[in-house]
Structure formats: C-alpha cells, structure tokens
C-alpha atoms as a PDB file:
ATOM      1  CA  UNK A   1       3.854   7.953 -57.472  1.00  0.00           C
ATOM      2  CA  UNK A   2       7.151   6.077 -57.375  1.00  0.00           C
ATOM      3  CA  UNK A   3       8.817   8.944 -55.528  1.00  0.00           C
ATOM      4  CA  UNK A   4       6.001   9.013 -52.986  1.00  0.00           C
ATOM      5  CA  UNK A   5       6.260   5.251 -52.463  1.00  0.00           C
ATOM      6  CA  UNK A   6      10.029   5.480 -52.054  1.00  0.00           C
ATOM      7  CA  UNK A   7       9.730   8.276 -49.470  1.00  0.00           C
ATOM      8  CA  UNK A   8       7.175   6.288 -47.487  1.00  0.00           C
ATOM      9  CA  UNK A   9       9.458   3.253 -47.566  1.00  0.00           C
ATOM     10  CA  UNK A  10      12.406   5.252 -46.278  1.00  0.00           C
ATOM     11  CA  UNK A  11      10.311   6.661 -43.423  1.00  0.00           C
ATOM     12  CA  UNK A  12       9.113   3.174 -42.468  1.00  0.00           C
ATOM     13  CA  UNK A  13      12.657   1.809 -42.598  1.00  0.00           C
ATOM     14  CA  UNK A  14      13.931   4.637 -40.408  1.00  0.00           C
ATOM     15  CA  UNK A  15      11.181   3.991 -37.866  1.00  0.00           C
ATOM     16  CA  UNK A  16      12.007   0.288 -37.800  1.00  0.00           C
ATOM     17  CA  UNK A  17      15.701   1.072 -37.327  1.00  0.00           C
ATOM     18  CA  UNK A  18      14.918   3.372 -34.408  1.00  0.00           C
ATOM     19  CA  UNK A  19      13.112   0.522 -32.676  1.00  0.00           C
ATOM     20  CA  UNK A  20      15.560  -2.243 -33.472  1.00  0.00           C
ATOM     21  CA  UNK A  21      18.538  -0.219 -32.293  1.00  0.00           C
ATOM     22  CA  UNK A  22      17.025   0.873 -28.982  1.00  0.00           C
ATOM     23  CA  UNK A  23      19.807   0.870 -26.387  1.00  0.00           C
ATOM     24  CA  UNK A  24      22.179  -0.351 -29.105  1.00  0.00           C
ATOM     25  CA  UNK A  25      20.578  -3.788 -29.361  1.00  0.00           C
ATOM     26  CA  UNK A  26      19.948  -5.828 -32.471  1.00  0.00           C
ATOM     27  CA  UNK A  27      16.415  -6.927 -31.613  1.00  0.00           C
ATOM     28  CA  UNK A  28      13.125  -5.018 -31.283  1.00  0.00           C
ATOM     29  CA  UNK A  29      12.469  -3.812 -27.728  1.00  0.00           C
ATOM     30  CA  UNK A  30       9.011  -5.184 -26.962  1.00  0.00           C
ATOM     31  CA  UNK A  31       8.442  -5.441 -23.252  1.00  0.00           C
ATOM     32  CA  UNK A  32      11.596  -6.199 -21.305  1.00  0.00           C
ATOM     33  CA  UNK A  33      14.262  -7.558 -23.650  1.00  0.00           C
ATOM     34  CA  UNK A  34      17.890  -8.474 -23.058  1.00  0.00           C
ATOM     35  CA  UNK A  35      20.704  -6.463 -24.605  1.00  0.00           C
ATOM     36  CA  UNK A  36      24.462  -6.432 -24.231  1.00  0.00           C
ATOM     37  CA  UNK A  37      26.902  -9.156 -23.312  1.00  0.00           C
ATOM     38  CA  UNK A  38      25.870 -12.784 -22.992  1.00  0.00           C
ATOM     39  CA  UNK A  39      25.227 -13.947 -19.407  1.00  0.00           C
ATOM     40  CA  UNK A  40      27.653 -16.143 -17.510  1.00  0.00           C
ATOM     41  CA  UNK A  41      27.477 -19.822 -18.392  1.00  0.00           C
ATOM     42  CA  UNK A  42      26.034 -20.776 -15.008  1.00  0.00           C
ATOM     43  CA  UNK A  43      23.582 -17.863 -14.988  1.00  0.00           C
ATOM     44  CA  UNK A  44      25.140 -16.415 -11.824  1.00  0.00           C
ATOM     45  CA  UNK A  45      27.352 -13.356 -11.843  1.00  0.00           C
ATOM     46  CA  UNK A  46      30.327 -12.641  -9.600  1.00  0.00           C
ATOM     47  CA  UNK A  47      31.328  -9.413  -7.913  1.00  0.00           C
ATOM     48  CA  UNK A  48      34.102  -8.644 -10.373  1.00  0.00           C
ATOM     49  CA  UNK A  49      33.625  -6.036 -13.053  1.00  0.00           C
ATOM     50  CA  UNK A  50      34.743  -6.231 -16.644  1.00  0.00           C
ATOM     51  CA  UNK A  51      38.496  -6.241 -16.907  1.00  0.00           C
ATOM     52  CA  UNK A  52      39.103  -7.199 -13.285  1.00  0.00           C
ATOM     53  CA  UNK A  53      40.651 -10.443 -12.169  1.00  0.00           C
ATOM     54  CA  UNK A  54      39.598 -13.039  -9.647  1.00  0.00           C
ATOM     55  CA  UNK A  55      41.484 -13.343  -6.335  1.00  0.00           C
ATOM     56  CA  UNK A  56      44.698 -15.301  -6.220  1.00  0.00           C
ATOM     57  CA  UNK A  57      45.210 -18.360  -4.085  1.00  0.00           C
ATOM     58  CA  UNK A  58      47.282 -16.361  -1.638  1.00  0.00           C
ATOM     59  CA  UNK A  59      44.599 -13.753  -0.966  1.00  0.00           C
ATOM     60  CA  UNK A  60      44.168 -14.509   2.721  1.00  0.00           C
ATOM     61  CA  UNK A  61      42.609 -17.513   4.351  1.00  0.00           C
ATOM     62  CA  UNK A  62      39.463 -17.179   2.242  1.00  0.00           C
ATOM     63  CA  UNK A  63      41.356 -17.060  -1.050  1.00  0.00           C
ATOM     64  CA  UNK A  64      41.006 -19.443  -3.961  1.00  0.00           C
ATOM     65  CA  UNK A  65      42.542 -22.295  -2.015  1.00  0.00           C
ATOM     66  CA  UNK A  66      40.036 -21.965   0.807  1.00  0.00           C
ATOM     67  CA  UNK A  67      37.425 -24.126  -0.884  1.00  0.00           C
ATOM     68  CA  UNK A  68      39.057 -27.260   0.545  1.00  0.00           C
ATOM     69  CA  UNK A  69      39.521 -25.775   4.027  1.00  0.00           C
ATOM     70  CA  UNK A  70      37.149 -27.191   6.604  1.00  0.00           C
ATOM     71  CA  UNK A  71      35.167 -25.028   8.985  1.00  0.00           C
ATOM     72  CA  UNK A  72      36.037 -26.886  12.180  1.00  0.00           C
ATOM     73  CA  UNK A  73      34.403 -25.655  15.375  1.00  0.00           C
ATOM     74  CA  UNK A  74      31.943 -22.934  14.372  1.00  0.00           C
ATOM     75  CA  UNK A  75      31.651 -19.841  16.535  1.00  0.00           C
ATOM     76  CA  UNK A  76      29.217 -16.976  17.052  1.00  0.00           C
ATOM     77  CA  UNK A  77      30.771 -13.512  17.077  1.00  0.00           C
ATOM     78  CA  UNK A  78      29.217 -10.177  17.989  1.00  0.00           C
ATOM     79  CA  UNK A  79      29.411  -7.556  15.247  1.00  0.00           C
ATOM     80  CA  UNK A  80      28.503  -3.934  16.016  1.00  0.00           C
ATOM     81  CA  UNK A  81      26.712  -3.455  12.716  1.00  0.00           C
ATOM     82  CA  UNK A  82      25.249  -6.918  12.182  1.00  0.00           C
ATOM     83  CA  UNK A  83      24.666  -8.439  15.607  1.00  0.00           C
ATOM     84  CA  UNK A  84      25.460 -12.162  15.929  1.00  0.00           C
ATOM     85  CA  UNK A  85      27.474 -13.533  12.997  1.00  0.00           C
ATOM     86  CA  UNK A  86      28.500 -17.147  12.373  1.00  0.00           C
ATOM     87  CA  UNK A  87      32.207 -17.782  11.730  1.00  0.00           C
ATOM     88  CA  UNK A  88      34.482 -20.764  11.172  1.00  0.00           C
ATOM     89  CA  UNK A  89      37.085 -21.894  13.684  1.00  0.00           C
ATOM     90  CA  UNK A  90      39.516 -19.209  12.456  1.00  0.00           C
ATOM     91  CA  UNK A  91      36.993 -16.416  12.913  1.00  0.00           C
ATOM     92  CA  UNK A  92      36.250 -15.977   9.191  1.00  0.00           C
ATOM     93  CA  UNK A  93      32.698 -14.820   8.484  1.00  0.00           C
ATOM     94  CA  UNK A  94      30.343 -17.297   6.807  1.00  0.00           C
ATOM     95  CA  UNK A  95      27.811 -16.092   4.230  1.00  0.00           C
ATOM     96  CA  UNK A  96      24.609 -17.163   2.481  1.00  0.00           C
ATOM     97  CA  UNK A  97      23.493 -16.385  -1.068  1.00  0.00           C
ATOM     98  CA  UNK A  98      19.956 -15.223  -1.897  1.00  0.00           C
ATOM     99  CA  UNK A  99      20.025 -17.022  -5.260  1.00  0.00           C
ATOM    100  CA  UNK A 100      20.514 -20.371  -3.512  1.00  0.00           C
ATOM    101  CA  UNK A 101      17.546 -22.258  -2.095  1.00  0.00           C
ATOM    102  CA  UNK A 102      17.139 -23.765   1.358  1.00  0.00           C
ATOM    103  CA  UNK A 103      14.187 -26.077   0.745  1.00  0.00           C
ATOM    104  CA  UNK A 104      15.437 -28.155  -0.873  1.00  0.00           C
ATOM    105  CA  UNK A 105      19.065 -27.085  -0.327  1.00  0.00           C
ATOM    106  CA  UNK A 106      20.641 -26.072  -3.645  1.00  0.00           C
ATOM    107  CA  UNK A 107      23.692 -24.001  -4.549  1.00  0.00           C
ATOM    108  CA  UNK A 108      23.693 -21.700  -7.576  1.00  0.00           C
ATOM    109  CA  UNK A 109      27.248 -20.421  -7.107  1.00  0.00           C
ATOM    110  CA  UNK A 110      29.606 -22.251  -9.463  1.00  0.00           C
ATOM    111  CA  UNK A 111      32.672 -21.449 -11.570  1.00  0.00           C
ATOM    112  CA  UNK A 112      34.041 -17.934 -11.058  1.00  0.00           C
ATOM    113  CA  UNK A 113      31.376 -17.319  -8.439  1.00  0.00           C
ATOM    114  CA  UNK A 114      32.801 -20.150  -6.311  1.00  0.00           C
ATOM    115  CA  UNK A 115      36.266 -18.600  -6.632  1.00  0.00           C
ATOM    116  CA  UNK A 116      35.004 -15.333  -5.203  1.00  0.00           C
ATOM    117  CA  UNK A 117      32.832 -17.155  -2.650  1.00  0.00           C
ATOM    118  CA  UNK A 118      34.559 -20.429  -1.671  1.00  0.00           C
ATOM    119  CA  UNK A 119      31.995 -23.014  -0.486  1.00  0.00           C
ATOM    120  CA  UNK A 120      32.464 -24.241   3.076  1.00  0.00           C
ATOM    121  CA  UNK A 121      33.079 -28.026   3.130  1.00  0.00           C
ATOM    122  CA  UNK A 122      30.682 -30.027   5.267  1.00  0.00           C
ATOM    123  CA  UNK A 123      33.387 -32.326   6.653  1.00  0.00           C
ATOM    124  CA  UNK A 124      34.647 -31.698  10.178  1.00  0.00           C
ATOM    125  CA  UNK A 125      32.158 -28.886  10.914  1.00  0.00           C
ATOM    126  CA  UNK A 126      30.676 -28.829  14.415  1.00  0.00           C
ATOM    127  CA  UNK A 127      28.065 -26.525  15.882  1.00  0.00           C
ATOM    128  CA  UNK A 128      28.981 -23.465  17.930  1.00  0.00           C
ATOM    129  CA  UNK A 129      28.242 -23.376  21.643  1.00  0.00           C
ATOM    130  CA  UNK A 130      24.570 -22.682  22.235  1.00  0.00           C
ATOM    131  CA  UNK A 131      23.714 -23.209  18.591  1.00  0.00           C
ATOM    132  CA  UNK A 132      21.026 -25.668  17.433  1.00  0.00           C
ATOM    133  CA  UNK A 133      23.213 -28.394  15.926  1.00  0.00           C
ATOM    134  CA  UNK A 134      20.235 -29.946  14.138  1.00  0.00           C
ATOM    135  CA  UNK A 135      20.301 -26.971  11.757  1.00  0.00           C
ATOM    136  CA  UNK A 136      23.610 -28.114  10.284  1.00  0.00           C
ATOM    137  CA  UNK A 137      23.478 -30.198   7.128  1.00  0.00           C
ATOM    138  CA  UNK A 138      25.074 -30.613   3.733  1.00  0.00           C
ATOM    139  CA  UNK A 139      24.321 -30.324   0.036  1.00  0.00           C
ATOM    140  CA  UNK A 140      26.060 -32.117  -2.821  1.00  0.00           C
ATOM    141  CA  UNK A 141      27.523 -29.684  -5.358  1.00  0.00           C
ATOM    142  CA  UNK A 142      27.749 -30.262  -9.114  1.00  0.00           C
ATOM    143  CA  UNK A 143      31.375 -31.421  -8.717  1.00  0.00           C
ATOM    144  CA  UNK A 144      30.341 -34.041  -6.143  1.00  0.00           C
ATOM    145  CA  UNK A 145      31.775 -32.233  -3.088  1.00  0.00           C
ATOM    146  CA  UNK A 146      29.718 -31.770   0.060  1.00  0.00           C
ATOM    147  CA  UNK A 147      28.984 -28.186   1.145  1.00  0.00           C
ATOM    148  CA  UNK A 148      27.951 -27.194   4.658  1.00  0.00           C
ATOM    149  CA  UNK A 149      24.403 -25.882   5.056  1.00  0.00           C
ATOM    150  CA  UNK A 150      22.672 -24.081   7.897  1.00  0.00           C
ATOM    151  CA  UNK A 151      18.894 -24.462   8.099  1.00  0.00           C
ATOM    152  CA  UNK A 152      19.176 -25.557   4.468  1.00  0.00           C
ATOM    153  CA  UNK A 153      21.204 -22.538   3.267  1.00  0.00           C
ATOM    154  CA  UNK A 154      24.626 -23.373   1.715  1.00  0.00           C
ATOM    155  CA  UNK A 155      27.465 -21.523   3.462  1.00  0.00           C
ATOM    156  CA  UNK A 156      30.424 -19.695   1.910  1.00  0.00           C
ATOM    157  CA  UNK A 157      33.471 -17.636   2.810  1.00  0.00           C
ATOM    158  CA  UNK A 158      34.384 -14.449   0.914  1.00  0.00           C
ATOM    159  CA  UNK A 159      37.709 -14.143  -0.889  1.00  0.00           C
ATOM    160  CA  UNK A 160      38.102 -10.467   0.022  1.00  0.00           C
ATOM    161  CA  UNK A 161      37.805 -11.179   3.753  1.00  0.00           C
ATOM    162  CA  UNK A 162      41.485 -11.461   4.664  1.00  0.00           C
ATOM    163  CA  UNK A 163      41.352 -11.535   8.455  1.00  0.00           C
ATOM    164  CA  UNK A 164      39.103 -12.757  11.253  1.00  0.00           C
ATOM    165  CA  UNK A 165      36.127 -10.484  11.766  1.00  0.00           C
ATOM    166  CA  UNK A 166      36.035  -9.064   8.228  1.00  0.00           C
ATOM    167  CA  UNK A 167      32.528  -8.714   6.768  1.00  0.00           C
ATOM    168  CA  UNK A 168      33.376  -7.223   3.374  1.00  0.00           C
ATOM    169  CA  UNK A 169      30.913  -9.571   1.706  1.00  0.00           C
ATOM    170  CA  UNK A 170      27.906  -8.150   3.545  1.00  0.00           C
ATOM    171  CA  UNK A 171      25.298  -6.887   1.073  1.00  0.00           C
ATOM    172  CA  UNK A 172      27.416  -7.464  -2.051  1.00  0.00           C
ATOM    173  CA  UNK A 173      25.140  -7.163  -5.114  1.00  0.00           C
ATOM    174  CA  UNK A 174      22.196  -7.186  -2.746  1.00  0.00           C
ATOM    175  CA  UNK A 175      22.363 -10.999  -2.648  1.00  0.00           C
ATOM    176  CA  UNK A 176      25.168 -11.943  -0.229  1.00  0.00           C
ATOM    177  CA  UNK A 177      24.758 -11.687   3.533  1.00  0.00           C
ATOM    178  CA  UNK A 178      26.621 -12.801   6.627  1.00  0.00           C
ATOM    179  CA  UNK A 179      24.830 -15.710   8.259  1.00  0.00           C
ATOM    180  CA  UNK A 180      23.315 -15.493  11.716  1.00  0.00           C
ATOM    181  CA  UNK A 181      23.638 -18.644  13.893  1.00  0.00           C
ATOM    182  CA  UNK A 182      20.062 -19.663  13.005  1.00  0.00           C
ATOM    183  CA  UNK A 183      20.663 -19.470   9.245  1.00  0.00           C
ATOM    184  CA  UNK A 184      18.891 -16.145   8.718  1.00  0.00           C
ATOM    185  CA  UNK A 185      20.628 -13.038   7.392  1.00  0.00           C
ATOM    186  CA  UNK A 186      22.682 -11.203  10.000  1.00  0.00           C
ATOM    187  CA  UNK A 187      21.355  -7.653   9.962  1.00  0.00           C
ATOM    188  CA  UNK A 188      21.105  -5.934  13.328  1.00  0.00           C
ATOM    189  CA  UNK A 189      20.221  -2.647  11.654  1.00  0.00           C
ATOM    190  CA  UNK A 190      17.160  -4.154  10.003  1.00  0.00           C
ATOM    191  CA  UNK A 191      16.072  -5.795  13.246  1.00  0.00           C
ATOM    192  CA  UNK A 192      16.433  -2.539  15.186  1.00  0.00           C
ATOM    193  CA  UNK A 193      14.332  -0.753  12.582  1.00  0.00           C
ATOM    194  CA  UNK A 194      11.647  -3.406  12.867  1.00  0.00           C
ATOM    195  CA  UNK A 195      12.186  -4.625   9.309  1.00  0.00           C
ATOM    196  CA  UNK A 196      12.030  -8.314   8.466  1.00  0.00           C
ATOM    197  CA  UNK A 197      14.399  -8.616   5.517  1.00  0.00           C
ATOM    198  CA  UNK A 198      12.962 -12.010   4.600  1.00  0.00           C
ATOM    199  CA  UNK A 199       9.459 -10.559   4.364  1.00  0.00           C
ATOM    200  CA  UNK A 200      10.664  -8.251   1.581  1.00  0.00           C
ATOM    201  CA  UNK A 201       8.150  -7.061  -0.946  1.00  0.00           C
ATOM    202  CA  UNK A 202       5.359  -9.220   0.445  1.00  0.00           C
ATOM    203  CA  UNK A 203       5.288  -7.150   3.647  1.00  0.00           C
ATOM    204  CA  UNK A 204       5.469  -3.871   1.768  1.00  0.00           C
ATOM    205  CA  UNK A 205       2.944  -4.940  -0.856  1.00  0.00           C
ATOM    206  CA  UNK A 206       4.910  -3.175  -3.579  1.00  0.00           C
ATOM    207  CA  UNK A 207       5.360  -4.276  -7.193  1.00  0.00           C
ATOM    208  CA  UNK A 208       8.829  -4.931  -8.594  1.00  0.00           C
ATOM    209  CA  UNK A 209       9.202  -1.269  -9.547  1.00  0.00           C
ATOM    210  CA  UNK A 210       6.942   1.641  -8.669  1.00  0.00           C
ATOM    211  CA  UNK A 211       7.183   5.295  -7.656  1.00  0.00           C
ATOM    212  CA  UNK A 212       6.751   7.391  -4.549  1.00  0.00           C
ATOM    213  CA  UNK A 213       6.429  11.106  -3.960  1.00  0.00           C
ATOM    214  CA  UNK A 214       9.546  12.448  -2.245  1.00  0.00           C
ATOM    215  CA  UNK A 215       9.063  15.797  -0.450  1.00  0.00           C
ATOM    216  CA  UNK A 216      12.277  17.218  -1.932  1.00  0.00           C
ATOM    217  CA  UNK A 217      12.827  15.327  -5.193  1.00  0.00           C
ATOM    218  CA  UNK A 218       9.304  14.778  -6.441  1.00  0.00           C
ATOM    219  CA  UNK A 219       8.293  11.464  -8.034  1.00  0.00           C
ATOM    220  CA  UNK A 220      11.123   8.926  -7.781  1.00  0.00           C
ATOM    221  CA  UNK A 221      11.398   5.279  -8.783  1.00  0.00           C
ATOM    222  CA  UNK A 222      11.601   2.698  -5.967  1.00  0.00           C
ATOM    223  CA  UNK A 223      12.295  -1.041  -5.957  1.00  0.00           C
ATOM    224  CA  UNK A 224      10.145  -3.826  -4.506  1.00  0.00           C
ATOM    225  CA  UNK A 225      11.288  -2.988  -0.979  1.00  0.00           C
ATOM    226  CA  UNK A 226      10.610   0.712  -1.339  1.00  0.00           C
ATOM    227  CA  UNK A 227      14.257   1.711  -1.723  1.00  0.00           C
ATOM    228  CA  UNK A 228      15.191   4.618  -3.993  1.00  0.00           C
ATOM    229  CA  UNK A 229      16.483   3.714  -7.463  1.00  0.00           C
ATOM    230  CA  UNK A 230      19.401   5.673  -8.959  1.00  0.00           C
ATOM    231  CA  UNK A 231      21.189   6.149 -12.278  1.00  0.00           C
ATOM    232  CA  UNK A 232      24.902   6.770 -12.867  1.00  0.00           C
ATOM    233  CA  UNK A 233      25.903   9.658 -15.121  1.00  0.00           C
ATOM    234  CA  UNK A 234      29.068   7.818 -16.194  1.00  0.00           C
ATOM    235  CA  UNK A 235      26.980   5.042 -17.740  1.00  0.00           C
ATOM    236  CA  UNK A 236      26.226   5.138 -21.461  1.00  0.00           C
ATOM    237  CA  UNK A 237      22.643   4.821 -22.774  1.00  0.00           C
ATOM    238  CA  UNK A 238      23.530   4.045 -26.414  1.00  0.00           C
ATOM    239  CA  UNK A 239      24.926   1.538 -26.915  1.00  0.00           C
ATOM    240  CA  UNK A 240      23.868   0.778 -23.364  1.00  0.00           C
ATOM    241  CA  UNK A 241      26.788   0.159 -21.019  1.00  0.00           C
ATOM    242  CA  UNK A 242      27.272   0.184 -17.254  1.00  0.00           C
ATOM    243  CA  UNK A 243      30.504   1.709 -15.972  1.00  0.00           C
ATOM    244  CA  UNK A 244      29.838   0.679 -12.380  1.00  0.00           C
ATOM    245  CA  UNK A 245      31.884  -2.499 -11.995  1.00  0.00           C
ATOM    246  CA  UNK A 246      33.846  -4.382  -9.330  1.00  0.00           C
ATOM    247  CA  UNK A 247      33.840  -2.626  -5.954  1.00  0.00           C
ATOM    248  CA  UNK A 248      31.450   0.014  -7.269  1.00  0.00           C
ATOM    249  CA  UNK A 249      28.703  -2.624  -7.178  1.00  0.00           C
ATOM    250  CA  UNK A 250      29.222  -3.125  -3.462  1.00  0.00           C
ATOM    251  CA  UNK A 251      28.005   0.431  -2.878  1.00  0.00           C
ATOM    252  CA  UNK A 252      25.586   0.533  -5.791  1.00  0.00           C
ATOM    253  CA  UNK A 253      23.849  -2.859  -6.227  1.00  0.00           C
ATOM    254  CA  UNK A 254      22.105  -3.348  -9.549  1.00  0.00           C
ATOM    255  CA  UNK A 255      18.335  -3.582  -9.935  1.00  0.00           C
ATOM    256  CA  UNK A 256      17.619  -7.058 -11.251  1.00  0.00           C
ATOM    257  CA  UNK A 257      15.149  -7.641 -14.115  1.00  0.00           C
ATOM    258  CA  UNK A 258      11.516  -6.817 -13.381  1.00  0.00           C
ATOM    259  CA  UNK A 259       8.692  -7.938 -15.648  1.00  0.00           C
ATOM    260  CA  UNK A 260       6.915  -4.985 -17.247  1.00  0.00           C
ATOM    261  CA  UNK A 261       3.627  -6.257 -15.823  1.00  0.00           C
ATOM    262  CA  UNK A 262       5.112  -6.065 -12.306  1.00  0.00           C
ATOM    263  CA  UNK A 263       5.479  -2.276 -12.381  1.00  0.00           C
ATOM    264  CA  UNK A 264       3.321   0.706 -11.481  1.00  0.00           C
ATOM    265  CA  UNK A 265       3.852   4.269 -12.689  1.00  0.00           C
ATOM    266  CA  UNK A 266       6.950   3.343 -14.714  1.00  0.00           C
ATOM    267  CA  UNK A 267       7.245   4.518 -18.316  1.00  0.00           C
ATOM    268  CA  UNK A 268       8.172   1.170 -19.838  1.00  0.00           C
ATOM    269  CA  UNK A 269       6.778   1.457 -23.357  1.00  0.00           C
ATOM    270  CA  UNK A 270       8.904   1.845 -26.471  1.00  0.00           C
ATOM    271  CA  UNK A 271       8.815   5.459 -27.679  1.00  0.00           C
ATOM    272  CA  UNK A 272      11.501   6.172 -30.272  1.00  0.00           C
ATOM    273  CA  UNK A 273      14.724   4.852 -28.765  1.00  0.00           C
ATOM    274  CA  UNK A 274      13.206   4.561 -25.301  1.00  0.00           C
ATOM    275  CA  UNK A 275      13.004   1.014 -24.030  1.00  0.00           C
ATOM    276  CA  UNK A 276      12.340  -0.981 -20.888  1.00  0.00           C
ATOM    277  CA  UNK A 277      15.132  -3.490 -21.421  1.00  0.00           C
ATOM    278  CA  UNK A 278      17.492  -5.778 -19.530  1.00  0.00           C
ATOM    279  CA  UNK A 279      21.242  -5.308 -19.866  1.00  0.00           C
ATOM    280  CA  UNK A 280      23.357  -8.474 -19.971  1.00  0.00           C
ATOM    281  CA  UNK A 281      26.473  -7.170 -18.237  1.00  0.00           C
ATOM    282  CA  UNK A 282      29.989  -8.487 -19.029  1.00  0.00           C
ATOM    283  CA  UNK A 283      30.232  -9.663 -15.378  1.00  0.00           C
ATOM    284  CA  UNK A 284      27.312 -12.052 -15.973  1.00  0.00           C
ATOM    285  CA  UNK A 285      24.649 -10.064 -14.127  1.00  0.00           C
ATOM    286  CA  UNK A 286      21.338  -8.990 -15.627  1.00  0.00           C
ATOM    287  CA  UNK A 287      20.328  -5.392 -14.923  1.00  0.00           C
ATOM    288  CA  UNK A 288      17.039  -3.594 -15.526  1.00  0.00           C
ATOM    289  CA  UNK A 289      17.024  -0.241 -17.306  1.00  0.00           C
ATOM    290  CA  UNK A 290      14.603   2.545 -18.214  1.00  0.00           C
ATOM    291  CA  UNK A 291      15.221   4.627 -21.331  1.00  0.00           C
ATOM    292  CA  UNK A 292      18.466   2.693 -21.755  1.00  0.00           C
ATOM    293  CA  UNK A 293      19.804   3.869 -18.369  1.00  0.00           C
ATOM    294  CA  UNK A 294      20.866   1.003 -16.021  1.00  0.00           C
ATOM    295  CA  UNK A 295      19.237   1.072 -12.575  1.00  0.00           C
ATOM    296  CA  UNK A 296      20.851   0.797  -9.127  1.00  0.00           C
ATOM    297  CA  UNK A 297      20.065   1.112  -5.431  1.00  0.00           C
ATOM    298  CA  UNK A 298      22.460   2.562  -2.818  1.00  0.00           C
ATOM    299  CA  UNK A 299      23.977   0.567   0.051  1.00  0.00           C
ATOM    300  CA  UNK A 300      23.998   3.763   2.109  1.00  0.00           C
ATOM    301  CA  UNK A 301      20.191   3.886   2.118  1.00  0.00           C
ATOM    302  CA  UNK A 302      19.254   2.074   5.315  1.00  0.00           C
ATOM    303  CA  UNK A 303      15.480   2.186   5.046  1.00  0.00           C
ATOM    304  CA  UNK A 304      12.757   2.773   2.442  1.00  0.00           C
ATOM    305  CA  UNK A 305      12.482   6.454   1.639  1.00  0.00           C
ATOM    306  CA  UNK A 306      16.166   7.258   2.174  1.00  0.00           C
ATOM    307  CA  UNK A 307      17.844   9.250  -0.591  1.00  0.00           C
ATOM    308  CA  UNK A 308      21.408   9.261   0.746  1.00  0.00           C
ATOM    309  CA  UNK A 309      22.729   8.475  -2.728  1.00  0.00           C
ATOM    310  CA  UNK A 310      21.341  11.663  -4.267  1.00  0.00           C
ATOM    311  CA  UNK A 311      24.117  13.714  -5.857  1.00  0.00           C
ATOM    312  CA  UNK A 312      26.965  11.498  -4.624  1.00  0.00           C
ATOM    313  CA  UNK A 313      30.121  12.414  -6.518  1.00  0.00           C
ATOM    314  CA  UNK A 314      28.067  14.634  -8.784  1.00  0.00           C
ATOM    315  CA  UNK A 315      27.299  11.487 -10.794  1.00  0.00           C
ATOM    316  CA  UNK A 316      24.563   9.590  -8.954  1.00  0.00           C
ATOM    317  CA  UNK A 317      20.955  10.767  -9.017  1.00  0.00           C
ATOM    318  CA  UNK A 318      17.533   9.424  -8.115  1.00  0.00           C
ATOM    319  CA  UNK A 319      15.686   8.187 -11.178  1.00  0.00           C
ATOM    320  CA  UNK A 320      12.408   9.623 -12.487  1.00  0.00           C
ATOM    321  CA  UNK A 321       9.720   7.318 -13.972  1.00  0.00           C
ATOM    322  CA  UNK A 322      10.960   8.059 -17.497  1.00  0.00           C
ATOM    323  CA  UNK A 323      14.568   7.172 -16.626  1.00  0.00           C
ATOM    324  CA  UNK A 324      15.813  10.740 -16.389  1.00  0.00           C
ATOM    325  CA  UNK A 325      18.037  11.954 -13.559  1.00  0.00           C
ATOM    326  CA  UNK A 326      16.418  14.099 -10.861  1.00  0.00           C
ATOM    327  CA  UNK A 327      18.917  16.904 -10.252  1.00  0.00           C
ATOM    328  CA  UNK A 328      17.274  19.066  -7.610  1.00  0.00           C
END
C-alpha cells in the first residue's frame, strides 16, 4: 500500500512539474500567463534587442540630443511609398505612436523609448503651407516639457533617421508610423488598396487571433487584421526565448498579447508543456506565443492573406493553430 501511494505521489508531482515549467516559467500556465524577463519600467518597449545599445548623441540630427531641437516650420513631403508625410524644417520625418492616445493627448514613450524616438518640442513649431494649423497642439510630458501634437497625437523623430527624407521608423514594431499632415498614419499603400488602417479589426470583424484556410498552406493563424502569423525556427520554446531582436523586429513585428477568450480556432489550452502564454522579452515588449513558440507578423505582407514570409531564410514559417510550423 505504501509503495502504491508513493508511486501515485510521484506521478502527481511529475504532472504538476510539467505544468509549472511550461515554456520554462515558474508559474502554472492557466490561460495567458506571462513568462520570461520583467517588462520595462514604463511598460513600453523600444526597438532595441537584448544586448544592443541605444543611439549616441551624434547619430544624425535625430540622435539623442534631438529631443531639445525644435521643429520650426513644418513641411509636407511626397513619399513614393507613403504619400504625404509631415516633416520638420530640416526635412526629418515626424512619427506617431499607436500606444499614445490622442483624446486626451497622452504620451506613453518615456525613458529608453524617448531616446530612440525623441519627442518633438512644441515651442517654435508652425504649420506647413496648406495645413490646418488648428490641428497643432501640445501635451505636457512627465518631465514637464511640452511636446508637439497633431490632431492630439504626440509627434516624434526617429534616432535611426540620419538624413532628410528617411522613413526608417515606418512600421517599427507595428506601432510607429510616419504622420500625414492631418495627423493620421501616412500609408499610401493602404489607401490604394482601399484599407483604412485606423478601422483595423473592427472593419474586419476578426478576433485577436483566428485562422483562415490558405489554398497552399492549409489552416494558418492570422492576427486581428487578417495578416498571417509566423514563427521563427531560431527561437527556443523551452525555456522560451525570442532570438529576433533589434532590426529583426522591423521586418518581423511581434504579436502582442491576446486574451484567450478573444481567439477562435486557436489551440490555447494547457496540454503537457503546451501553453498559451505571454513572453516578457528583455527589450520590454510583451509577445504572445502558442505552444511556447513566440508569434510574429511579416512587414513584407502588404494585405490580409499574403504569405510572403513563408520560408524566408529557411527559418520563418506560417504558424498552425497548435503552434507548429507549416513547412509546405
């Protein structure tokens, strides 16, 4: 009897360990839990991966010292890919951040984020020719400085833009976009395709994560906008780790956390080591995973249904509902 009891106890302990170590975490994976590194202190990540450094003060006009540089006479420039883009007096592209709010105006880019994305001071800024000057305003940041806003959206430069006309910040992490002169996101491609990027999931009527039937790949996971979700074969599922950092994230934006209830067709229940969990990345971002595999979209996919990321580098593959890679 004692031997039987001991065997049962060992089996129960092993089962508990399998659950509590899902994805290499220390807590049971019920629903969508967080694992990995602690998030950034301000809750907002930057575009630098683990082990990379922030830009130096001499990194072009939009470098670390650009935060104090005024915008002067704003201008509207034509960009082949983006249409009309708002710039400062020196021709440097101005950006908006999806994690900010416009009503009321509020900035959520502080600390390291503000080093990568220097806020544009409100002082000395004047409207561009033909632009509605009533759209210009300001918001008071946590440090007491005044930041320029456009239709309520705080404006920024990008540290990696080193010359007039650069738009290297466009689409970074799926949250940063060049500003159009009316405060909306500059995205000529989306306009030409008849897509309203601000309508997002509401227009598509999709949950945070779901699936679609691809004629070549079969059932693939898609995000709230209908874009294909991928996994990276150089990532590690246990203990869960993303090896897409720094500039990699510009091409492969992460999929942000999605509540398990806001999914359809996704295998998000705990089965052995399988878990539907959120990875706290060392760069401060939070990333959704399935079966301990971090999830991404591809910047090269221009519309819902595209699978241009499939097989890239022999390491990127569309994701199946159970988190496995579709290698067809």
